[in-house]
Amino acid sequence: MRAQLAGLGLCIAISLPALAQITPAQTNLDPGAGRLEARNAKAAARELGTVTPEQALANALKRCEGLPAFYRSDCEARVRGGGQVSGSVLGGGLLKESVTTLPAATLEDEIRAIPPLRLPPSAR
């Protein structure tokens, strides 16, 4: 009896990935377009090659450059692993927090330097 249940469990475990796959009839994507996209992705991965940790860090720090100075230091601290991390991927995501203490005058100057946000006109 145990052998039969084990065999049944094994069959179910093996067939589960097949249930999760989408068949071509369930998607609007042309199969030829899907193959072309996969071929292009493989070619791009070959051209890019491997990314060293130094290149990844430089890329992440470059993304912080577009931020106002007020936010840039926190961004760079998070990239370098500073601050506290809470939460989990299974729980819905990771929350990364870094705290920067600034003198009041510096904080006010930084806030004044941020341009106002302009919203598009209402579509009413």
N, C-alpha and C. Protein backbone atom coordinates (compact mmCIF):
# COMPACT_ATOMS: atom_id res chain seq x y z
N MET A 1 0.82 -1.19 0.00
CA MET A 1 0.00 0.00 0.00
C MET A 1 0.87 1.26 0.00
N ARG A 2 1.93 1.25 0.84
CA ARG A 2 2.82 2.41 0.89
C ARG A 2 3.52 2.62 -0.45
N ALA A 3 3.91 1.53 -1.08
CA ALA A 3 4.59 1.63 -2.37
C ALA A 3 3.66 2.23 -3.42
N GLN A 4 2.37 1.84 -3.37
CA GLN A 4 1.41 2.39 -4.32
C GLN A 4 1.20 3.89 -4.09
N LEU A 5 1.09 4.28 -2.81
CA LEU A 5 0.92 5.70 -2.50
C LEU A 5 2.16 6.50 -2.89
N ALA A 6 3.33 5.92 -2.66
CA ALA A 6 4.56 6.59 -3.04
C ALA A 6 4.63 6.76 -4.55
N GLY A 7 4.23 5.74 -5.29
CA GLY A 7 4.22 5.81 -6.74
C GLY A 7 3.23 6.85 -7.24
N LEU A 8 2.04 6.90 -6.61
CA LEU A 8 1.04 7.89 -6.97
C LEU A 8 1.55 9.30 -6.69
N GLY A 9 2.18 9.47 -5.53
CA GLY A 9 2.74 10.78 -5.18
C GLY A 9 3.81 11.21 -6.15
N LEU A 10 4.65 10.27 -6.57
CA LEU A 10 5.70 10.57 -7.53
C LEU A 10 5.10 10.99 -8.88
N CYS A 11 4.07 10.28 -9.31
CA CYS A 11 3.41 10.63 -10.58
C CYS A 11 2.80 12.03 -10.51
N ILE A 12 2.18 12.35 -9.39
CA ILE A 12 1.58 13.68 -9.24
C ILE A 12 2.66 14.75 -9.25
N ALA A 13 3.76 14.50 -8.53
CA ALA A 13 4.84 15.49 -8.46
C ALA A 13 5.46 15.72 -9.84
N ILE A 14 5.57 14.67 -10.62
CA ILE A 14 6.16 14.81 -11.96
C ILE A 14 5.21 15.54 -12.90
N SER A 15 3.91 15.36 -12.74
CA SER A 15 2.96 15.96 -13.67
C SER A 15 2.59 17.39 -13.32
N LEU A 16 2.89 17.88 -12.12
CA LEU A 16 2.51 19.24 -11.74
C LEU A 16 3.11 20.32 -12.63
N PRO A 17 4.39 20.25 -12.99
CA PRO A 17 4.91 21.30 -13.88
C PRO A 17 4.18 21.36 -15.21
N ALA A 18 3.72 20.22 -15.71
CA ALA A 18 3.00 20.22 -16.97
C ALA A 18 1.68 20.96 -16.85
N LEU A 19 1.05 20.91 -15.67
CA LEU A 19 -0.21 21.61 -15.48
C LEU A 19 0.00 23.13 -15.46
N ALA A 20 1.17 23.57 -15.00
CA ALA A 20 1.43 25.00 -14.89
C ALA A 20 1.80 25.63 -16.23
N GLN A 21 2.13 24.84 -17.23
CA GLN A 21 2.55 25.38 -18.51
C GLN A 21 1.33 25.85 -19.31
N ILE A 22 1.51 26.93 -20.02
CA ILE A 22 0.44 27.46 -20.86
C ILE A 22 0.61 26.86 -22.25
N THR A 23 -0.46 26.35 -22.78
CA THR A 23 -0.41 25.79 -24.13
C THR A 23 -0.55 26.92 -25.14
N PRO A 24 -0.07 26.73 -26.37
CA PRO A 24 -0.19 27.79 -27.38
C PRO A 24 -1.63 28.23 -27.62
N ALA A 25 -2.60 27.36 -27.39
CA ALA A 25 -3.99 27.74 -27.59
C ALA A 25 -4.46 28.73 -26.53
N GLN A 26 -3.76 28.81 -25.40
CA GLN A 26 -4.18 29.68 -24.31
C GLN A 26 -3.51 31.05 -24.36
N THR A 27 -2.71 31.32 -25.34
CA THR A 27 -2.01 32.59 -25.43
C THR A 27 -2.25 33.24 -26.78
N ASN A 28 -2.15 34.55 -26.82
CA ASN A 28 -2.31 35.28 -28.08
C ASN A 28 -1.01 35.43 -28.83
N LEU A 29 0.09 34.95 -28.25
CA LEU A 29 1.41 35.11 -28.86
C LEU A 29 1.61 34.12 -29.99
N ASP A 30 2.08 34.63 -31.10
CA ASP A 30 2.40 33.79 -32.24
C ASP A 30 3.58 32.90 -31.87
N PRO A 31 3.51 31.58 -32.09
CA PRO A 31 4.62 30.70 -31.72
C PRO A 31 5.93 31.10 -32.39
N GLY A 32 5.88 31.59 -33.61
CA GLY A 32 7.10 32.04 -34.28
C GLY A 32 7.71 33.25 -33.58
N ALA A 33 6.85 34.14 -33.10
CA ALA A 33 7.34 35.32 -32.38
C ALA A 33 7.98 34.90 -31.06
N GLY A 34 7.42 33.90 -30.42
CA GLY A 34 8.00 33.40 -29.17
C GLY A 34 9.38 32.80 -29.40
N ARG A 35 9.52 32.03 -30.47
CA ARG A 35 10.82 31.44 -30.79
C ARG A 35 11.84 32.53 -31.13
N LEU A 36 11.39 33.54 -31.89
CA LEU A 36 12.28 34.65 -32.24
C LEU A 36 12.74 35.39 -30.98
N GLU A 37 11.82 35.63 -30.07
CA GLU A 37 12.16 36.32 -28.82
C GLU A 37 13.16 35.51 -28.00
N ALA A 38 12.95 34.20 -27.93
CA ALA A 38 13.88 33.34 -27.19
C ALA A 38 15.26 33.34 -27.85
N ARG A 39 15.30 33.28 -29.17
CA ARG A 39 16.57 33.30 -29.89
C ARG A 39 17.31 34.63 -29.66
N ASN A 40 16.57 35.74 -29.70
CA ASN A 40 17.18 37.05 -29.47
C ASN A 40 17.69 37.18 -28.04
N ALA A 41 16.96 36.63 -27.08
CA ALA A 41 17.39 36.70 -25.68
C ALA A 41 18.67 35.90 -25.48
N LYS A 42 18.76 34.74 -26.10
CA LYS A 42 19.99 33.93 -25.98
C LYS A 42 21.17 34.65 -26.61
N ALA A 43 20.95 35.29 -27.76
CA ALA A 43 22.03 36.02 -28.43
C ALA A 43 22.49 37.20 -27.58
N ALA A 44 21.55 37.91 -26.97
CA ALA A 44 21.92 39.04 -26.11
C ALA A 44 22.71 38.57 -24.90
N ALA A 45 22.33 37.43 -24.34
CA ALA A 45 23.06 36.89 -23.19
C ALA A 45 24.48 36.50 -23.58
N ARG A 46 24.65 35.94 -24.78
CA ARG A 46 25.99 35.59 -25.24
C ARG A 46 26.85 36.83 -25.44
N GLU A 47 26.26 37.89 -26.01
CA GLU A 47 27.01 39.13 -26.24
C GLU A 47 27.41 39.78 -24.93
N LEU A 48 26.51 39.76 -23.97
CA LEU A 48 26.79 40.41 -22.69
C LEU A 48 27.85 39.65 -21.92
N GLY A 49 27.82 38.35 -22.01
CA GLY A 49 28.78 37.54 -21.26
C GLY A 49 28.46 37.57 -19.78
N THR A 50 29.46 37.33 -18.98
CA THR A 50 29.22 37.33 -17.55
C THR A 50 29.51 38.71 -16.98
N VAL A 51 28.78 39.07 -15.96
CA VAL A 51 28.94 40.36 -15.30
C VAL A 51 29.66 40.11 -13.99
N THR A 52 30.77 40.81 -13.80
CA THR A 52 31.53 40.65 -12.56
C THR A 52 30.82 41.41 -11.44
N PRO A 53 31.08 41.06 -10.19
CA PRO A 53 30.47 41.80 -9.08
C PRO A 53 30.83 43.29 -9.11
N GLU A 54 32.03 43.61 -9.57
CA GLU A 54 32.44 45.02 -9.66
C GLU A 54 31.59 45.76 -10.69
N GLN A 55 31.31 45.10 -11.82
CA GLN A 55 30.47 45.72 -12.85
C GLN A 55 29.04 45.91 -12.34
N ALA A 56 28.54 44.92 -11.61
CA ALA A 56 27.18 45.02 -11.07
C ALA A 56 27.09 46.16 -10.07
N LEU A 57 28.11 46.31 -9.21
CA LEU A 57 28.12 47.40 -8.23
C LEU A 57 28.20 48.75 -8.94
N ALA A 58 29.06 48.86 -9.96
CA ALA A 58 29.17 50.12 -10.71
C ALA A 58 27.85 50.47 -11.38
N ASN A 59 27.15 49.48 -11.93
CA ASN A 59 25.87 49.71 -12.58
C ASN A 59 24.84 50.19 -11.55
N ALA A 60 24.81 49.55 -10.39
CA ALA A 60 23.85 49.94 -9.35
C ALA A 60 24.13 51.35 -8.85
N LEU A 61 25.40 51.69 -8.67
CA LEU A 61 25.75 53.04 -8.21
C LEU A 61 25.43 54.08 -9.28
N LYS A 62 25.57 53.71 -10.55
CA LYS A 62 25.25 54.63 -11.64
C LYS A 62 23.75 54.96 -11.63
N ARG A 63 22.92 54.02 -11.22
CA ARG A 63 21.49 54.27 -11.14
C ARG A 63 21.16 55.30 -10.07
N CYS A 64 22.01 55.41 -9.05
CA CYS A 64 21.80 56.39 -7.98
C CYS A 64 22.16 57.80 -8.43
N GLU A 65 22.96 57.94 -9.49
CA GLU A 65 23.44 59.26 -9.92
C GLU A 65 22.33 60.19 -10.36
N GLY A 66 21.24 59.67 -10.88
CA GLY A 66 20.15 60.51 -11.36
C GLY A 66 19.28 61.08 -10.25
N LEU A 67 19.49 60.65 -9.03
CA LEU A 67 18.67 61.12 -7.91
C LEU A 67 19.21 62.43 -7.36
N PRO A 68 18.34 63.24 -6.74
CA PRO A 68 18.83 64.44 -6.05
C PRO A 68 19.80 64.02 -4.94
N ALA A 69 20.71 64.92 -4.59
CA ALA A 69 21.72 64.61 -3.56
C ALA A 69 21.06 64.17 -2.26
N PHE A 70 19.88 64.70 -2.00
CA PHE A 70 19.14 64.36 -0.78
C PHE A 70 18.89 62.86 -0.69
N TYR A 71 18.60 62.23 -1.83
CA TYR A 71 18.30 60.80 -1.85
C TYR A 71 19.50 59.95 -2.24
N ARG A 72 20.47 60.55 -2.93
CA ARG A 72 21.58 59.78 -3.49
C ARG A 72 22.39 59.04 -2.43
N SER A 73 22.67 59.70 -1.31
CA SER A 73 23.49 59.05 -0.28
C SER A 73 22.79 57.81 0.28
N ASP A 74 21.47 57.89 0.47
CA ASP A 74 20.73 56.72 0.95
C ASP A 74 20.73 55.61 -0.09
N CYS A 75 20.58 55.99 -1.36
CA CYS A 75 20.59 54.99 -2.43
C CYS A 75 21.93 54.26 -2.46
N GLU A 76 23.01 55.01 -2.38
CA GLU A 76 24.34 54.39 -2.41
C GLU A 76 24.57 53.52 -1.19
N ALA A 77 24.05 53.94 -0.03
CA ALA A 77 24.19 53.11 1.18
C ALA A 77 23.43 51.79 1.02
N ARG A 78 22.24 51.84 0.43
CA ARG A 78 21.47 50.60 0.22
C ARG A 78 22.17 49.68 -0.78
N VAL A 79 22.74 50.27 -1.83
CA VAL A 79 23.46 49.47 -2.83
C VAL A 79 24.63 48.74 -2.19
N ARG A 80 25.32 49.42 -1.29
CA ARG A 80 26.49 48.83 -0.64
C ARG A 80 26.11 47.91 0.52
N GLY A 81 24.82 47.73 0.77
CA GLY A 81 24.37 46.79 1.80
C GLY A 81 24.17 47.41 3.16
N GLY A 82 24.19 48.72 3.25
CA GLY A 82 23.97 49.38 4.53
C GLY A 82 22.50 49.38 4.90
N GLY A 83 22.22 49.73 6.13
CA GLY A 83 20.84 49.81 6.58
C GLY A 83 20.32 48.47 7.06
N GLN A 84 19.03 48.46 7.32
CA GLN A 84 18.39 47.25 7.83
C GLN A 84 17.46 46.67 6.77
N VAL A 85 17.38 45.35 6.75
CA VAL A 85 16.49 44.66 5.83
C VAL A 85 15.49 43.87 6.65
N SER A 86 14.21 44.01 6.31
CA SER A 86 13.18 43.24 7.00
C SER A 86 12.23 42.68 5.96
N GLY A 87 11.47 41.69 6.38
CA GLY A 87 10.52 41.05 5.47
C GLY A 87 11.15 39.84 4.80
N SER A 88 10.40 39.26 3.88
CA SER A 88 10.88 38.09 3.16
C SER A 88 10.26 38.08 1.77
N VAL A 89 10.90 37.39 0.88
CA VAL A 89 10.38 37.26 -0.47
C VAL A 89 9.04 36.54 -0.43
N LEU A 90 8.97 35.48 0.37
CA LEU A 90 7.72 34.73 0.48
C LEU A 90 6.62 35.56 1.11
N GLY A 91 6.99 36.49 1.99
CA GLY A 91 6.01 37.33 2.66
C GLY A 91 5.56 38.51 1.82
N GLY A 92 6.07 38.67 0.63
CA GLY A 92 5.64 39.74 -0.24
C GLY A 92 6.72 40.72 -0.63
N GLY A 93 7.89 40.61 -0.03
CA GLY A 93 8.98 41.49 -0.44
C GLY A 93 9.88 41.87 0.70
N LEU A 94 11.02 42.41 0.34
CA LEU A 94 12.00 42.87 1.31
C LEU A 94 11.90 44.38 1.43
N LEU A 95 11.97 44.88 2.65
CA LEU A 95 11.98 46.30 2.91
C LEU A 95 13.37 46.68 3.37
N LYS A 96 14.04 47.52 2.58
CA LYS A 96 15.39 47.96 2.92
C LYS A 96 15.30 49.39 3.42
N GLU A 97 15.85 49.62 4.61
CA GLU A 97 15.75 50.93 5.24
C GLU A 97 17.13 51.43 5.63
N SER A 98 17.40 52.68 5.28
CA SER A 98 18.62 53.32 5.76
C SER A 98 18.23 54.68 6.33
N VAL A 99 18.86 55.06 7.41
CA VAL A 99 18.55 56.32 8.08
C VAL A 99 19.76 57.23 7.98
N THR A 100 19.53 58.45 7.51
CA THR A 100 20.59 59.44 7.40
C THR A 100 20.20 60.66 8.22
N THR A 101 21.03 61.04 9.15
CA THR A 101 20.76 62.20 9.99
C THR A 101 21.48 63.41 9.41
N LEU A 102 20.71 64.47 9.15
CA LEU A 102 21.27 65.70 8.60
C LEU A 102 20.96 66.86 9.54
N PRO A 103 21.83 67.85 9.60
CA PRO A 103 21.49 69.06 10.35
C PRO A 103 20.26 69.72 9.74
N ALA A 104 19.46 70.40 10.54
CA ALA A 104 18.20 70.98 10.07
C ALA A 104 18.42 71.93 8.89
N ALA A 105 19.45 72.75 8.93
CA ALA A 105 19.70 73.71 7.84
C ALA A 105 20.00 72.97 6.53
N THR A 106 20.80 71.93 6.61
CA THR A 106 21.13 71.16 5.41
C THR A 106 19.88 70.49 4.85
N LEU A 107 19.05 69.95 5.73
CA LEU A 107 17.83 69.29 5.31
C LEU A 107 16.91 70.28 4.59
N GLU A 108 16.75 71.47 5.15
CA GLU A 108 15.88 72.47 4.53
C GLU A 108 16.43 72.88 3.16
N ASP A 109 17.74 73.04 3.04
CA ASP A 109 18.34 73.39 1.75
C ASP A 109 18.11 72.29 0.72
N GLU A 110 18.25 71.05 1.14
CA GLU A 110 18.05 69.92 0.22
C GLU A 110 16.60 69.84 -0.22
N ILE A 111 15.67 70.09 0.69
CA ILE A 111 14.25 70.03 0.34
C ILE A 111 13.91 71.16 -0.63
N ARG A 112 14.45 72.35 -0.42
CA ARG A 112 14.19 73.48 -1.33
C ARG A 112 14.77 73.21 -2.72
N ALA A 113 15.83 72.44 -2.81
CA ALA A 113 16.48 72.17 -4.10
C ALA A 113 15.69 71.19 -4.96
N ILE A 114 14.74 70.47 -4.37
CA ILE A 114 13.94 69.50 -5.13
C ILE A 114 12.85 70.27 -5.88
N PRO A 115 12.79 70.14 -7.21
CA PRO A 115 11.77 70.88 -7.97
C PRO A 115 10.37 70.36 -7.64
N PRO A 116 9.36 71.24 -7.76
CA PRO A 116 7.99 70.79 -7.47
C PRO A 116 7.53 69.77 -8.51
N LEU A 117 6.66 68.90 -8.09
CA LEU A 117 6.10 67.88 -8.97
C LEU A 117 4.94 68.48 -9.74
N ARG A 118 4.96 68.34 -11.04
CA ARG A 118 3.88 68.87 -11.87
C ARG A 118 3.05 67.70 -12.39
N LEU A 119 1.77 67.75 -12.09
CA LEU A 119 0.85 66.72 -12.53
C LEU A 119 0.23 67.12 -13.86
N PRO A 120 -0.10 66.14 -14.70
CA PRO A 120 -0.75 66.47 -15.97
C PRO A 120 -2.16 66.99 -15.69
N PRO A 121 -2.72 67.79 -16.62
CA PRO A 121 -4.08 68.30 -16.41
C PRO A 121 -5.07 67.15 -16.33
N SER A 122 -6.12 67.40 -15.60
CA SER A 122 -7.16 66.38 -15.41
C SER A 122 -7.85 66.10 -16.74
N ALA A 123 -8.25 64.85 -16.94
CA ALA A 123 -8.89 64.44 -18.20
C ALA A 123 -10.41 64.52 -18.10
N ARG A 124 -10.93 65.31 -17.19
CA ARG A 124 -12.39 65.39 -17.02
C ARG A 124 -13.04 66.16 -18.10
